[in-house]
N, C-alpha and C. Protein backbone atom coordinates (compact mmCIF):
# COMPACT_ATOMS: atom_id res chain seq x y z
N MET A 1 -3.18 -14.01 15.44
CA MET A 1 -2.12 -14.97 15.74
C MET A 1 -1.18 -15.13 14.55
N THR A 2 -1.74 -15.33 13.37
CA THR A 2 -0.92 -15.51 12.18
C THR A 2 -0.13 -14.25 11.87
N GLU A 3 -0.78 -13.09 12.04
CA GLU A 3 -0.10 -11.83 11.77
C GLU A 3 1.08 -11.65 12.72
N THR A 4 0.92 -12.01 13.96
CA THR A 4 2.00 -11.91 14.94
C THR A 4 3.16 -12.83 14.57
N LEU A 5 2.85 -14.02 14.12
CA LEU A 5 3.88 -14.97 13.72
C LEU A 5 4.65 -14.46 12.50
N ILE A 6 3.95 -13.87 11.55
CA ILE A 6 4.61 -13.33 10.36
C ILE A 6 5.49 -12.15 10.74
N ARG A 7 5.00 -11.28 11.62
CA ARG A 7 5.82 -10.14 12.07
C ARG A 7 7.06 -10.63 12.81
N PHE A 8 6.93 -11.69 13.59
CA PHE A 8 8.09 -12.27 14.27
C PHE A 8 9.08 -12.81 13.24
N ALA A 9 8.58 -13.50 12.22
CA ALA A 9 9.46 -14.05 11.18
C ALA A 9 10.20 -12.94 10.43
N ILE A 10 9.52 -11.83 10.16
CA ILE A 10 10.15 -10.70 9.50
C ILE A 10 11.28 -10.15 10.37
N SER A 11 11.02 -9.98 11.65
CA SER A 11 12.06 -9.49 12.57
C SER A 11 13.22 -10.46 12.68
N PHE A 12 12.90 -11.75 12.75
CA PHE A 12 13.93 -12.78 12.85
C PHE A 12 14.84 -12.78 11.63
N VAL A 13 14.26 -12.73 10.44
CA VAL A 13 15.05 -12.71 9.21
C VAL A 13 15.92 -11.46 9.16
N SER A 14 15.37 -10.33 9.55
CA SER A 14 16.12 -9.08 9.55
C SER A 14 17.31 -9.14 10.51
N ILE A 15 17.09 -9.61 11.71
CA ILE A 15 18.15 -9.69 12.71
C ILE A 15 19.21 -10.71 12.29
N LEU A 16 18.78 -11.87 11.80
CA LEU A 16 19.72 -12.90 11.36
C LEU A 16 20.59 -12.40 10.21
N THR A 17 19.98 -11.69 9.28
CA THR A 17 20.74 -11.13 8.16
C THR A 17 21.80 -10.16 8.66
N LYS A 18 21.45 -9.30 9.60
CA LYS A 18 22.41 -8.33 10.14
C LYS A 18 23.53 -9.02 10.90
N ILE A 19 23.19 -10.04 11.68
CA ILE A 19 24.21 -10.77 12.45
C ILE A 19 25.20 -11.46 11.50
N LEU A 20 24.68 -12.12 10.47
CA LEU A 20 25.56 -12.79 9.52
C LEU A 20 26.41 -11.80 8.75
N TYR A 21 25.83 -10.65 8.38
CA TYR A 21 26.58 -9.61 7.69
C TYR A 21 27.77 -9.16 8.54
N TRP A 22 27.51 -8.84 9.80
CA TRP A 22 28.58 -8.35 10.66
C TRP A 22 29.59 -9.44 10.99
N ALA A 23 29.15 -10.68 11.10
CA ALA A 23 30.08 -11.78 11.36
C ALA A 23 31.05 -11.93 10.20
N ILE A 24 30.54 -11.87 8.98
CA ILE A 24 31.42 -11.97 7.80
C ILE A 24 32.35 -10.76 7.73
N PHE A 25 31.81 -9.57 7.94
CA PHE A 25 32.61 -8.35 7.87
C PHE A 25 33.75 -8.36 8.89
N ILE A 26 33.44 -8.70 10.13
CA ILE A 26 34.47 -8.73 11.18
C ILE A 26 35.48 -9.83 10.91
N SER A 27 35.02 -10.97 10.40
CA SER A 27 35.93 -12.06 10.07
C SER A 27 36.92 -11.65 8.99
N VAL A 28 36.44 -10.91 7.99
CA VAL A 28 37.33 -10.43 6.93
C VAL A 28 38.37 -9.47 7.51
N ILE A 29 37.93 -8.55 8.34
CA ILE A 29 38.87 -7.59 8.96
C ILE A 29 39.90 -8.34 9.82
N LEU A 30 39.45 -9.30 10.61
CA LEU A 30 40.38 -10.06 11.45
C LEU A 30 41.34 -10.89 10.61
N SER A 31 40.91 -11.34 9.45
CA SER A 31 41.79 -12.15 8.60
C SER A 31 42.99 -11.34 8.11
N TRP A 32 42.85 -10.04 8.06
CA TRP A 32 43.98 -9.19 7.65
C TRP A 32 45.02 -9.08 8.75
N PHE A 33 44.59 -9.24 10.00
CA PHE A 33 45.48 -8.98 11.12
C PHE A 33 45.79 -10.22 11.96
N ALA A 34 44.78 -10.91 12.44
CA ALA A 34 45.02 -11.90 13.50
C ALA A 34 44.26 -13.19 13.31
N ARG A 35 44.15 -13.70 12.10
CA ARG A 35 43.39 -14.94 11.89
C ARG A 35 44.05 -16.09 12.66
N GLY A 36 43.23 -16.78 13.41
CA GLY A 36 43.69 -17.96 14.12
C GLY A 36 44.44 -17.65 15.41
N ARG A 37 44.74 -16.39 15.66
CA ARG A 37 45.49 -16.05 16.86
C ARG A 37 44.57 -15.60 18.00
N SER A 38 43.30 -15.45 17.70
CA SER A 38 42.38 -15.01 18.76
C SER A 38 41.20 -15.95 18.87
N GLN A 39 40.63 -15.98 20.04
CA GLN A 39 39.45 -16.82 20.27
C GLN A 39 38.29 -16.32 19.41
N LEU A 40 38.13 -15.00 19.29
CA LEU A 40 37.07 -14.43 18.48
C LEU A 40 37.22 -14.83 17.01
N GLY A 41 38.47 -14.80 16.52
CA GLY A 41 38.72 -15.18 15.12
C GLY A 41 38.32 -16.61 14.84
N SER A 42 38.69 -17.54 15.75
CA SER A 42 38.31 -18.93 15.51
C SER A 42 36.82 -19.15 15.65
N TRP A 43 36.18 -18.44 16.57
CA TRP A 43 34.74 -18.57 16.73
C TRP A 43 34.01 -18.04 15.50
N LEU A 44 34.43 -16.88 15.00
CA LEU A 44 33.81 -16.33 13.80
C LEU A 44 34.05 -17.21 12.58
N ASP A 45 35.25 -17.78 12.49
CA ASP A 45 35.54 -18.69 11.36
C ASP A 45 34.60 -19.88 11.35
N SER A 46 34.26 -20.39 12.53
CA SER A 46 33.36 -21.54 12.58
C SER A 46 31.96 -21.18 12.09
N ILE A 47 31.61 -19.89 12.16
CA ILE A 47 30.31 -19.43 11.65
C ILE A 47 30.41 -19.05 10.18
N VAL A 48 31.46 -18.34 9.82
CA VAL A 48 31.57 -17.73 8.49
C VAL A 48 32.02 -18.72 7.42
N GLN A 49 32.94 -19.61 7.74
CA GLN A 49 33.47 -20.50 6.71
C GLN A 49 32.40 -21.38 6.05
N PRO A 50 31.44 -21.95 6.78
CA PRO A 50 30.38 -22.71 6.09
C PRO A 50 29.52 -21.84 5.17
N LEU A 51 29.40 -20.55 5.48
CA LEU A 51 28.64 -19.65 4.62
C LEU A 51 29.41 -19.30 3.35
N CYS A 52 30.72 -19.17 3.46
CA CYS A 52 31.55 -18.77 2.32
C CYS A 52 31.99 -19.95 1.45
N ARG A 53 32.02 -21.14 2.01
CA ARG A 53 32.52 -22.31 1.28
C ARG A 53 31.86 -22.52 -0.09
N PRO A 54 30.54 -22.38 -0.23
CA PRO A 54 29.94 -22.60 -1.56
C PRO A 54 30.38 -21.57 -2.60
N PHE A 55 30.98 -20.48 -2.16
CA PHE A 55 31.36 -19.41 -3.08
C PHE A 55 32.87 -19.30 -3.26
N ARG A 56 33.61 -20.34 -2.93
CA ARG A 56 35.07 -20.31 -3.05
C ARG A 56 35.53 -20.18 -4.50
N TRP A 57 34.66 -20.40 -5.45
CA TRP A 57 35.01 -20.23 -6.86
C TRP A 57 35.23 -18.77 -7.21
N ALA A 58 34.74 -17.86 -6.38
CA ALA A 58 34.83 -16.42 -6.66
C ALA A 58 36.21 -15.90 -6.27
N ARG A 59 37.14 -15.99 -7.19
CA ARG A 59 38.51 -15.54 -6.94
C ARG A 59 38.99 -14.70 -8.12
N ILE A 60 39.79 -13.72 -7.79
CA ILE A 60 40.52 -12.97 -8.81
C ILE A 60 41.98 -13.04 -8.38
N GLY A 61 42.75 -13.88 -9.06
CA GLY A 61 44.13 -14.10 -8.65
C GLY A 61 44.16 -14.71 -7.27
N MET A 62 44.84 -14.02 -6.35
CA MET A 62 44.92 -14.51 -4.98
C MET A 62 43.83 -13.93 -4.08
N MET A 63 43.03 -13.03 -4.63
CA MET A 63 41.96 -12.42 -3.82
C MET A 63 40.74 -13.34 -3.77
N ASP A 64 40.33 -13.65 -2.57
CA ASP A 64 39.14 -14.48 -2.35
C ASP A 64 37.93 -13.57 -2.21
N LEU A 65 37.03 -13.66 -3.16
CA LEU A 65 35.83 -12.82 -3.13
C LEU A 65 34.61 -13.55 -2.56
N SER A 66 34.81 -14.73 -2.00
CA SER A 66 33.69 -15.49 -1.47
C SER A 66 32.95 -14.76 -0.34
N PRO A 67 33.62 -13.99 0.55
CA PRO A 67 32.85 -13.25 1.55
C PRO A 67 31.92 -12.21 0.93
N ILE A 68 32.40 -11.53 -0.11
CA ILE A 68 31.55 -10.53 -0.78
C ILE A 68 30.36 -11.21 -1.44
N THR A 69 30.61 -12.34 -2.09
CA THR A 69 29.52 -13.08 -2.74
C THR A 69 28.52 -13.58 -1.69
N ALA A 70 29.04 -14.09 -0.57
CA ALA A 70 28.14 -14.56 0.50
C ALA A 70 27.31 -13.40 1.06
N LEU A 71 27.93 -12.23 1.22
CA LEU A 71 27.19 -11.06 1.71
C LEU A 71 26.07 -10.68 0.76
N LEU A 72 26.35 -10.72 -0.54
CA LEU A 72 25.32 -10.38 -1.52
C LEU A 72 24.17 -11.37 -1.49
N VAL A 73 24.49 -12.66 -1.41
CA VAL A 73 23.45 -13.69 -1.38
C VAL A 73 22.62 -13.56 -0.10
N ILE A 74 23.28 -13.33 1.03
CA ILE A 74 22.55 -13.17 2.30
C ILE A 74 21.66 -11.94 2.25
N ASP A 75 22.19 -10.83 1.71
CA ASP A 75 21.41 -9.60 1.63
C ASP A 75 20.19 -9.77 0.73
N PHE A 76 20.40 -10.29 -0.48
CA PHE A 76 19.27 -10.46 -1.40
C PHE A 76 18.29 -11.51 -0.90
N GLY A 77 18.81 -12.59 -0.31
CA GLY A 77 17.93 -13.61 0.25
C GLY A 77 17.09 -13.08 1.40
N GLY A 78 17.71 -12.29 2.28
CA GLY A 78 16.98 -11.69 3.38
C GLY A 78 15.91 -10.73 2.90
N ARG A 79 16.27 -9.92 1.91
CA ARG A 79 15.28 -8.98 1.35
C ARG A 79 14.13 -9.73 0.68
N PHE A 80 14.47 -10.79 -0.05
CA PHE A 80 13.44 -11.58 -0.73
C PHE A 80 12.47 -12.19 0.28
N LEU A 81 13.02 -12.81 1.33
CA LEU A 81 12.16 -13.43 2.36
C LEU A 81 11.32 -12.38 3.08
N THR A 82 11.91 -11.23 3.37
CA THR A 82 11.16 -10.17 4.04
C THR A 82 10.01 -9.68 3.18
N GLU A 83 10.28 -9.43 1.90
CA GLU A 83 9.22 -8.98 0.98
C GLU A 83 8.12 -10.03 0.85
N LEU A 84 8.53 -11.30 0.79
CA LEU A 84 7.55 -12.38 0.68
C LEU A 84 6.66 -12.42 1.93
N LEU A 85 7.26 -12.27 3.09
CA LEU A 85 6.50 -12.28 4.33
C LEU A 85 5.59 -11.04 4.45
N ILE A 86 6.06 -9.90 3.98
CA ILE A 86 5.22 -8.69 4.00
C ILE A 86 4.02 -8.87 3.12
N LYS A 87 4.20 -9.52 1.98
CA LYS A 87 3.06 -9.75 1.08
C LYS A 87 2.03 -10.69 1.72
N LEU A 88 2.50 -11.58 2.60
CA LEU A 88 1.56 -12.47 3.30
C LEU A 88 0.70 -11.69 4.29
N LEU A 89 1.21 -10.56 4.77
CA LEU A 89 0.43 -9.74 5.70
C LEU A 89 -0.74 -9.04 5.01
N ASP A 90 -0.58 -8.74 3.73
CA ASP A 90 -1.63 -8.00 3.00
C ASP A 90 -2.84 -8.83 2.69
């Protein structure tokens, strides 16, 4: 039972990490073309902006690097949680 729960948690973390990665990536691409003009853009913004807000300090001139910083934190955090859960299986 515990092993099944841990395997579920590993899958959940992996899927959530991928979903957040793609949401941020697509939001960045849409921001170049059609931010605020599409339903998808506003929906993605409602998901992505709370993730990027803590990293708004990451700027170089007018370039906002908060999405890249958020992607790195999500990636490393997901990997850390996955490794921690795998160690619980052993």
